[in-house]
Amino acid sequence: MTIKSKIVIDFDPSSAKKYAINKYGIVVVDVLRASSTIIIILSQGAKEVIPCVEIEETEYYRKSLDAVLVGERKGTKISGFDYTNSPFDLSKVNLESKIIAITTSTGTRLINESIGAKNILIGSTLNASEIARRMHKLGGNWAVLGAGTRGEFRPEDQVGCALIVKYFMRLSNCIVNSQTRNIVNTYSDNIETHIRMSSSSQKLIEIGQRNDVDFVINSLNKYTIVPVARKIGSRVKITQ
């Protein structure tokens, strides 16, 4: 008898550990903007991305690995960093063979909290269909985790999670709980409306980053890159 995969949508970094302990694969989804930025960084030729929880960690990698620094706090670029956490801006930058150290308010923390999971993939609207294909190929149970902010599951992340699960459900005869199915039914349609109405989108527009909002809407499934996070030695690294 074939054992069906389980798939669940959840959010907030604190939920990652329980899925890792139970040997789920995890897909980290932070559409605005960490996941989208990591996808773009790799598409622009970077050798690897190091997700850092604290700003001080990035400074260590600048000194030890000559890393390019990307990051934000409260949506704005960190003083002394090379770039802010902007997928649109970084889509214009040549990062060939560079090592990138990135820190964001929530997304990079969730990636680090997911260490120990069977597999860790980084998903967004940009690569949702390709993420689903990779999940199906890898098999097993999956938790698709929205980054969340202050206990809130943001609409843009619900869209990203819903699309990934919707595509996965087309590929796999999987077990889906009612909460997950409701999110898929609600957020996998009218995605532009959901994303534009998000408080995250409004904040980015206020600080002059409207292009990022447009980018994650208009680049739906444009990218086939699947970033994979692993702990290698003392650091977490993300590669294709």
C-alpha atoms as a PDB file:
ATOM      1  CA  MET A   1       0.000   0.000   0.000  1.00  0.00           C
ATOM      2  CA  THR A   2       1.324   3.442  -0.988  1.00  0.00           C
ATOM      3  CA  ILE A   3       1.704   5.840   1.926  1.00  0.00           C
ATOM      4  CA  LYS A   4       0.267   9.253   1.090  1.00  0.00           C
ATOM      5  CA  SER A   5       2.286  12.389   1.777  1.00  0.00           C
ATOM      6  CA  LYS A   6       0.903  14.866   4.284  1.00  0.00           C
ATOM      7  CA  ILE A   7       1.074  18.560   3.465  1.00  0.00           C
ATOM      8  CA  VAL A   8       0.233  21.437   5.794  1.00  0.00           C
ATOM      9  CA  ILE A   9       0.368  25.230   5.690  1.00  0.00           C
ATOM     10  CA  ASP A  10       1.542  26.923   8.884  1.00  0.00           C
ATOM     11  CA  PHE A  11       3.334  30.131   9.814  1.00  0.00           C
ATOM     12  CA  ASP A  12       5.709  31.823  12.233  1.00  0.00           C
ATOM     13  CA  PRO A  13       9.286  30.727  12.976  1.00  0.00           C
ATOM     14  CA  SER A  14       8.224  29.073  16.255  1.00  0.00           C
ATOM     15  CA  SER A  15       6.328  26.385  14.315  1.00  0.00           C
ATOM     16  CA  ALA A  16       9.363  25.185  12.363  1.00  0.00           C
ATOM     17  CA  LYS A  17      10.992  23.111  15.091  1.00  0.00           C
ATOM     18  CA  LYS A  18       8.054  20.755  15.553  1.00  0.00           C
ATOM     19  CA  TYR A  19       8.032  19.921  11.843  1.00  0.00           C
ATOM     20  CA  ALA A  20      11.798  19.457  11.761  1.00  0.00           C
ATOM     21  CA  ILE A  21      11.626  17.079  14.740  1.00  0.00           C
ATOM     22  CA  ASN A  22       8.954  15.050  12.955  1.00  0.00           C
ATOM     23  CA  LYS A  23      11.128  14.853   9.825  1.00  0.00           C
ATOM     24  CA  TYR A  24       8.914  16.909   7.574  1.00  0.00           C
ATOM     25  CA  GLY A  25      10.397  18.744   4.655  1.00  0.00           C
ATOM     26  CA  ILE A  26       9.925  22.502   5.050  1.00  0.00           C
ATOM     27  CA  VAL A  27       9.291  25.168   2.442  1.00  0.00           C
ATOM     28  CA  VAL A  28      10.063  28.650   3.775  1.00  0.00           C
ATOM     29  CA  VAL A  29       7.826  31.327   2.223  1.00  0.00           C
ATOM     30  CA  ASP A  30       8.492  35.042   2.735  1.00  0.00           C
ATOM     31  CA  VAL A  31       7.169  36.615  -0.450  1.00  0.00           C
ATOM     32  CA  LEU A  32       7.841  40.208   0.662  1.00  0.00           C
ATOM     33  CA  ARG A  33      10.687  39.842   0.623  1.00  0.00           C
ATOM     34  CA  ALA A  34      13.362  37.391   1.872  1.00  0.00           C
ATOM     35  CA  SER A  35      12.371  34.316  -0.149  1.00  0.00           C
ATOM     36  CA  SER A  36      11.945  36.318  -3.338  1.00  0.00           C
ATOM     37  CA  THR A  37      15.265  38.064  -2.781  1.00  0.00           C
ATOM     38  CA  ILE A  38      17.135  34.785  -2.263  1.00  0.00           C
ATOM     39  CA  ILE A  39      15.693  33.380  -5.491  1.00  0.00           C
ATOM     40  CA  ILE A  40      16.823  36.477  -7.378  1.00  0.00           C
ATOM     41  CA  ILE A  41      20.286  36.480  -5.785  1.00  0.00           C
ATOM     42  CA  LEU A  42      20.879  32.938  -7.056  1.00  0.00           C
ATOM     43  CA  SER A  43      19.407  33.786 -10.451  1.00  0.00           C
ATOM     44  CA  GLN A  44      21.977  36.573 -10.707  1.00  0.00           C
ATOM     45  CA  GLY A  45      24.811  34.094 -10.379  1.00  0.00           C
ATOM     46  CA  ALA A  46      25.680  34.103  -6.681  1.00  0.00           C
ATOM     47  CA  LYS A  47      27.694  31.116  -5.462  1.00  0.00           C
ATOM     48  CA  GLU A  48      25.801  30.816  -2.175  1.00  0.00           C
ATOM     49  CA  VAL A  49      23.591  32.741   0.223  1.00  0.00           C
ATOM     50  CA  ILE A  50      24.152  32.689   3.984  1.00  0.00           C
ATOM     51  CA  PRO A  51      20.957  33.513   5.951  1.00  0.00           C
ATOM     52  CA  CYS A  52      21.866  35.329   9.162  1.00  0.00           C
ATOM     53  CA  VAL A  53      19.633  36.023  12.140  1.00  0.00           C
ATOM     54  CA  GLU A  54      21.701  38.904  13.551  1.00  0.00           C
ATOM     55  CA  ILE A  55      23.441  41.799  11.839  1.00  0.00           C
ATOM     56  CA  GLU A  56      26.712  40.932  13.574  1.00  0.00           C
ATOM     57  CA  GLU A  57      26.824  37.570  11.789  1.00  0.00           C
ATOM     58  CA  THR A  58      26.895  39.242   8.395  1.00  0.00           C
ATOM     59  CA  GLU A  59      29.895  41.362   9.408  1.00  0.00           C
ATOM     60  CA  TYR A  60      31.778  38.169  10.279  1.00  0.00           C
ATOM     61  CA  TYR A  61      31.137  36.764   6.799  1.00  0.00           C
ATOM     62  CA  ARG A  62      32.163  40.023   5.155  1.00  0.00           C
ATOM     63  CA  LYS A  63      35.518  39.777   6.884  1.00  0.00           C
ATOM     64  CA  SER A  64      36.052  36.022   6.588  1.00  0.00           C
ATOM     65  CA  LEU A  65      34.518  35.295   3.151  1.00  0.00           C
ATOM     66  CA  ASP A  66      34.403  38.735   1.488  1.00  0.00           C
ATOM     67  CA  ALA A  67      30.612  38.390   1.440  1.00  0.00           C
ATOM     68  CA  VAL A  68      28.324  40.974  -0.099  1.00  0.00           C
ATOM     69  CA  LEU A  69      25.846  42.163   2.552  1.00  0.00           C
ATOM     70  CA  VAL A  70      22.100  42.298   1.880  1.00  0.00           C
ATOM     71  CA  GLY A  71      19.545  43.131   4.543  1.00  0.00           C
ATOM     72  CA  GLU A  72      16.864  45.231   6.153  1.00  0.00           C
ATOM     73  CA  ARG A  73      15.303  46.116   9.423  1.00  0.00           C
ATOM     74  CA  LYS A  74      11.763  47.533   9.360  1.00  0.00           C
ATOM     75  CA  GLY A  75      11.936  47.439   5.579  1.00  0.00           C
ATOM     76  CA  THR A  76      14.918  49.739   5.117  1.00  0.00           C
ATOM     77  CA  LYS A  77      18.542  49.006   4.254  1.00  0.00           C
ATOM     78  CA  ILE A  78      20.885  48.435   7.169  1.00  0.00           C
ATOM     79  CA  SER A  79      23.589  51.076   7.497  1.00  0.00           C
ATOM     80  CA  GLY A  80      26.837  49.923   5.883  1.00  0.00           C
ATOM     81  CA  PHE A  81      25.211  47.139   3.863  1.00  0.00           C
ATOM     82  CA  ASP A  82      25.678  46.837   0.117  1.00  0.00           C
ATOM     83  CA  TYR A  83      22.003  46.321  -0.755  1.00  0.00           C
ATOM     84  CA  THR A  84      18.593  46.281   0.832  1.00  0.00           C
ATOM     85  CA  ASN A  85      16.357  43.190   0.754  1.00  0.00           C
ATOM     86  CA  SER A  86      14.862  44.023  -2.641  1.00  0.00           C
ATOM     87  CA  PRO A  87      14.258  41.352  -5.292  1.00  0.00           C
ATOM     88  CA  PHE A  88      13.568  44.008  -7.925  1.00  0.00           C
ATOM     89  CA  ASP A  89      16.741  45.991  -7.231  1.00  0.00           C
ATOM     90  CA  LEU A  90      18.912  42.874  -7.072  1.00  0.00           C
ATOM     91  CA  SER A  91      17.499  41.567 -10.361  1.00  0.00           C
ATOM     92  CA  LYS A  92      19.575  44.373 -11.954  1.00  0.00           C
ATOM     93  CA  VAL A  93      22.853  43.431 -10.209  1.00  0.00           C
ATOM     94  CA  ASN A  94      25.551  41.033 -11.434  1.00  0.00           C
ATOM     95  CA  LEU A  95      26.378  38.751  -8.499  1.00  0.00           C
ATOM     96  CA  GLU A  96      28.332  36.138 -10.444  1.00  0.00           C
ATOM     97  CA  SER A  97      30.298  33.840  -8.081  1.00  0.00           C
ATOM     98  CA  LYS A  98      29.660  36.101  -5.073  1.00  0.00           C
ATOM     99  CA  ILE A  99      28.884  34.897  -1.557  1.00  0.00           C
ATOM    100  CA  ILE A 100      25.932  36.813  -0.119  1.00  0.00           C
ATOM    101  CA  ALA A 101      25.193  37.199   3.588  1.00  0.00           C
ATOM    102  CA  ILE A 102      21.578  38.248   4.115  1.00  0.00           C
ATOM    103  CA  THR A 103      19.650  39.204   7.241  1.00  0.00           C
ATOM    104  CA  THR A 104      15.973  40.195   7.365  1.00  0.00           C
ATOM    105  CA  SER A 105      13.388  40.790  10.046  1.00  0.00           C
ATOM    106  CA  THR A 106      11.681  37.390   9.778  1.00  0.00           C
ATOM    107  CA  GLY A 107      12.566  35.267   6.751  1.00  0.00           C
ATOM    108  CA  THR A 108      16.181  34.471   7.574  1.00  0.00           C
ATOM    109  CA  ARG A 109      15.189  33.591  11.132  1.00  0.00           C
ATOM    110  CA  LEU A 110      12.633  31.091   9.841  1.00  0.00           C
ATOM    111  CA  ILE A 111      15.239  29.469   7.611  1.00  0.00           C
ATOM    112  CA  ASN A 112      17.556  28.997  10.589  1.00  0.00           C
ATOM    113  CA  GLU A 113      14.716  27.701  12.769  1.00  0.00           C
ATOM    114  CA  SER A 114      14.005  25.074  10.096  1.00  0.00           C
ATOM    115  CA  ILE A 115      17.431  23.424  10.353  1.00  0.00           C
ATOM    116  CA  GLY A 116      16.988  19.733  11.122  1.00  0.00           C
ATOM    117  CA  ALA A 117      14.130  19.290   8.675  1.00  0.00           C
ATOM    118  CA  LYS A 118      14.443  16.511   6.109  1.00  0.00           C
ATOM    119  CA  ASN A 119      14.729  19.096   3.308  1.00  0.00           C
ATOM    120  CA  ILE A 120      14.513  22.913   3.370  1.00  0.00           C
ATOM    121  CA  LEU A 121      13.410  24.726   0.225  1.00  0.00           C
ATOM    122  CA  ILE A 122      12.853  28.460  -0.300  1.00  0.00           C
ATOM    123  CA  GLY A 123       9.619  29.346  -2.080  1.00  0.00           C
ATOM    124  CA  SER A 124       7.734  32.368  -3.343  1.00  0.00           C
ATOM    125  CA  THR A 125       5.290  33.388  -6.033  1.00  0.00           C
ATOM    126  CA  LEU A 126       8.349  33.562  -8.306  1.00  0.00           C
ATOM    127  CA  ASN A 127       9.002  29.797  -8.274  1.00  0.00           C
ATOM    128  CA  ALA A 128       5.858  28.208  -6.782  1.00  0.00           C
ATOM    129  CA  SER A 129       5.246  25.633  -9.519  1.00  0.00           C
ATOM    130  CA  GLU A 130       8.906  24.560  -9.595  1.00  0.00           C
ATOM    131  CA  ILE A 131       8.944  24.214  -5.797  1.00  0.00           C
ATOM    132  CA  ALA A 132       5.927  21.887  -6.005  1.00  0.00           C
ATOM    133  CA  ARG A 133       7.675  19.749  -8.598  1.00  0.00           C
ATOM    134  CA  ARG A 134      10.775  19.451  -6.411  1.00  0.00           C
ATOM    135  CA  MET A 135       8.659  18.555  -3.371  1.00  0.00           C
ATOM    136  CA  HIS A 136       6.939  15.821  -5.351  1.00  0.00           C
ATOM    137  CA  LYS A 137      10.282  14.476  -6.549  1.00  0.00           C
ATOM    138  CA  LEU A 138      11.755  14.422  -3.030  1.00  0.00           C
ATOM    139  CA  GLY A 139       8.648  12.835  -1.478  1.00  0.00           C
ATOM    140  CA  GLY A 140       7.732  12.629   2.192  1.00  0.00           C
ATOM    141  CA  ASN A 141       5.627  14.960   4.333  1.00  0.00           C
ATOM    142  CA  TRP A 142       5.824  18.720   3.888  1.00  0.00           C
ATOM    143  CA  ALA A 143       5.150  21.854   5.933  1.00  0.00           C
ATOM    144  CA  VAL A 144       4.837  25.039   3.873  1.00  0.00           C
ATOM    145  CA  LEU A 145       5.584  27.814   6.339  1.00  0.00           C
ATOM    146  CA  GLY A 146       4.769  31.484   5.906  1.00  0.00           C
ATOM    147  CA  ALA A 147       7.216  33.748   7.697  1.00  0.00           C
ATOM    148  CA  GLY A 148       4.577  35.724   9.625  1.00  0.00           C
ATOM    149  CA  THR A 149       5.096  38.934  11.562  1.00  0.00           C
ATOM    150  CA  ARG A 150       4.141  39.442  15.204  1.00  0.00           C
ATOM    151  CA  GLY A 151       1.817  36.446  15.085  1.00  0.00           C
ATOM    152  CA  GLU A 152       0.137  37.564  11.845  1.00  0.00           C
ATOM    153  CA  PHE A 153       0.037  35.334   8.756  1.00  0.00           C
ATOM    154  CA  ARG A 154       0.476  37.960   6.059  1.00  0.00           C
ATOM    155  CA  PRO A 155      -1.710  37.780   2.920  1.00  0.00           C
ATOM    156  CA  GLU A 156       1.231  37.708   0.501  1.00  0.00           C
ATOM    157  CA  ASP A 157       2.650  34.671   2.305  1.00  0.00           C
ATOM    158  CA  GLN A 158      -0.738  32.989   2.336  1.00  0.00           C
ATOM    159  CA  VAL A 159      -0.772  33.482  -1.434  1.00  0.00           C
ATOM    160  CA  GLY A 160       2.707  31.987  -1.803  1.00  0.00           C
ATOM    161  CA  CYS A 161       1.880  29.012   0.422  1.00  0.00           C
ATOM    162  CA  ALA A 162      -1.497  28.457  -1.245  1.00  0.00           C
ATOM    163  CA  LEU A 163      -0.017  28.400  -4.747  1.00  0.00           C
ATOM    164  CA  ILE A 164       2.711  25.930  -3.784  1.00  0.00           C
ATOM    165  CA  VAL A 165       0.243  23.578  -2.129  1.00  0.00           C
ATOM    166  CA  LYS A 166      -2.257  23.912  -4.988  1.00  0.00           C
ATOM    167  CA  TYR A 167       0.396  22.868  -7.513  1.00  0.00           C
ATOM    168  CA  PHE A 168       1.588  20.059  -5.226  1.00  0.00           C
ATOM    169  CA  MET A 169      -1.952  18.729  -4.850  1.00  0.00           C
ATOM    170  CA  ARG A 170      -2.171  18.449  -8.646  1.00  0.00           C
ATOM    171  CA  LEU A 171       0.943  16.255  -8.640  1.00  0.00           C
ATOM    172  CA  SER A 172       0.341  14.155  -5.536  1.00  0.00           C
ATOM    173  CA  ASN A 173      -2.545  12.268  -3.979  1.00  0.00           C
ATOM    174  CA  CYS A 174      -1.725  13.799  -0.596  1.00  0.00           C
ATOM    175  CA  ILE A 175      -3.423  14.249   2.768  1.00  0.00           C
ATOM    176  CA  VAL A 176      -4.513  17.863   3.350  1.00  0.00           C
ATOM    177  CA  ASN A 177      -6.154  19.164   6.536  1.00  0.00           C
ATOM    178  CA  SER A 178      -9.159  21.483   6.421  1.00  0.00           C
ATOM    179  CA  GLN A 179      -7.235  24.626   7.436  1.00  0.00           C
ATOM    180  CA  THR A 180      -4.709  24.109   4.668  1.00  0.00           C
ATOM    181  CA  ARG A 181      -7.435  23.396   2.112  1.00  0.00           C
ATOM    182  CA  ASN A 182      -9.272  26.589   3.143  1.00  0.00           C
ATOM    183  CA  ILE A 183      -6.120  28.681   2.647  1.00  0.00           C
ATOM    184  CA  VAL A 184      -5.597  27.148  -0.799  1.00  0.00           C
ATOM    185  CA  ASN A 185      -9.214  27.818  -1.775  1.00  0.00           C
ATOM    186  CA  THR A 186      -9.084  31.413  -0.537  1.00  0.00           C
ATOM    187  CA  TYR A 187      -5.632  32.619  -1.560  1.00  0.00           C
ATOM    188  CA  SER A 188      -4.691  30.792  -4.766  1.00  0.00           C
ATOM    189  CA  ASP A 189      -7.078  32.997  -6.769  1.00  0.00           C
ATOM    190  CA  ASN A 190      -7.187  36.804  -7.051  1.00  0.00           C
ATOM    191  CA  ILE A 191      -3.559  36.827  -5.970  1.00  0.00           C
ATOM    192  CA  GLU A 192      -2.868  40.393  -7.077  1.00  0.00           C
ATOM    193  CA  THR A 193      -5.701  41.724  -4.925  1.00  0.00           C
ATOM    194  CA  HIS A 194      -4.569  39.776  -1.856  1.00  0.00           C
ATOM    195  CA  ILE A 195      -0.965  40.929  -2.209  1.00  0.00           C
ATOM    196  CA  ARG A 196      -1.730  44.579  -2.913  1.00  0.00           C
ATOM    197  CA  MET A 197      -4.088  44.811   0.074  1.00  0.00           C
ATOM    198  CA  SER A 198      -1.437  43.459   2.449  1.00  0.00           C
ATOM    199  CA  SER A 199      -0.008  45.766   5.103  1.00  0.00           C
ATOM    200  CA  SER A 200       3.451  44.624   3.951  1.00  0.00           C
ATOM    201  CA  SER A 201       2.746  45.969   0.473  1.00  0.00           C
ATOM    202  CA  GLN A 202       1.475  49.250   1.858  1.00  0.00           C
ATOM    203  CA  LYS A 203       4.617  49.622   3.973  1.00  0.00           C
ATOM    204  CA  LEU A 204       6.883  48.975   1.002  1.00  0.00           C
ATOM    205  CA  ILE A 205       4.991  51.504  -1.103  1.00  0.00           C
ATOM    206  CA  GLU A 206       5.372  54.074   1.680  1.00  0.00           C
ATOM    207  CA  ILE A 207       9.152  53.622   1.741  1.00  0.00           C
ATOM    208  CA  GLY A 208       9.505  53.781  -2.056  1.00  0.00           C
ATOM    209  CA  GLN A 209       9.713  50.036  -2.817  1.00  0.00           C
ATOM    210  CA  ARG A 210       6.544  49.652  -4.895  1.00  0.00           C
ATOM    211  CA  ASN A 211       8.632  47.866  -7.531  1.00  0.00           C
ATOM    212  CA  ASP A 212       9.029  44.894  -5.208  1.00  0.00           C
ATOM    213  CA  VAL A 213       5.270  44.531  -4.844  1.00  0.00           C
ATOM    214  CA  ASP A 214       4.788  44.683  -8.611  1.00  0.00           C
ATOM    215  CA  PHE A 215       7.677  42.264  -9.127  1.00  0.00           C
ATOM    216  CA  VAL A 216       6.328  39.415  -6.984  1.00  0.00           C
ATOM    217  CA  ILE A 217       2.930  39.750  -8.698  1.00  0.00           C
ATOM    218  CA  ASN A 218       4.122  40.072 -12.289  1.00  0.00           C
ATOM    219  CA  SER A 219       6.830  37.386 -12.084  1.00  0.00           C
ATOM    220  CA  LEU A 220       4.529  34.515 -11.105  1.00  0.00           C
ATOM    221  CA  ASN A 221       6.344  31.206 -11.809  1.00  0.00           C
ATOM    222  CA  LYS A 222       8.955  33.017 -13.909  1.00  0.00           C
ATOM    223  CA  TYR A 223      11.875  31.330 -12.143  1.00  0.00           C
ATOM    224  CA  THR A 224      12.822  27.652 -12.089  1.00  0.00           C
ATOM    225  CA  ILE A 225      15.476  28.063  -9.398  1.00  0.00           C
ATOM    226  CA  VAL A 226      14.836  26.073  -6.210  1.00  0.00           C
ATOM    227  CA  PRO A 227      17.028  27.368  -3.379  1.00  0.00           C
ATOM    228  CA  VAL A 228      17.982  24.632  -0.914  1.00  0.00           C
ATOM    229  CA  ALA A 229      19.193  25.433   2.622  1.00  0.00           C
ATOM    230  CA  ARG A 230      21.615  23.117   4.439  1.00  0.00           C
ATOM    231  CA  LYS A 231      23.866  23.410   7.442  1.00  0.00           C
ATOM    232  CA  ILE A 232      27.441  22.833   6.298  1.00  0.00           C
ATOM    233  CA  GLY A 233      29.918  22.930   9.146  1.00  0.00           C
ATOM    234  CA  SER A 234      29.211  25.989  11.274  1.00  0.00           C
ATOM    235  CA  ARG A 235      27.069  27.912   8.811  1.00  0.00           C
ATOM    236  CA  VAL A 236      23.771  27.581   7.006  1.00  0.00           C
ATOM    237  CA  LYS A 237      24.191  27.963   3.264  1.00  0.00           C
ATOM    238  CA  ILE A 238      21.656  28.220   0.478  1.00  0.00           C
ATOM    239  CA  THR A 239      22.482  27.032  -3.026  1.00  0.00           C
ATOM    240  CA  GLN A 240      20.576  25.783  -6.050  1.00  0.00           C
END
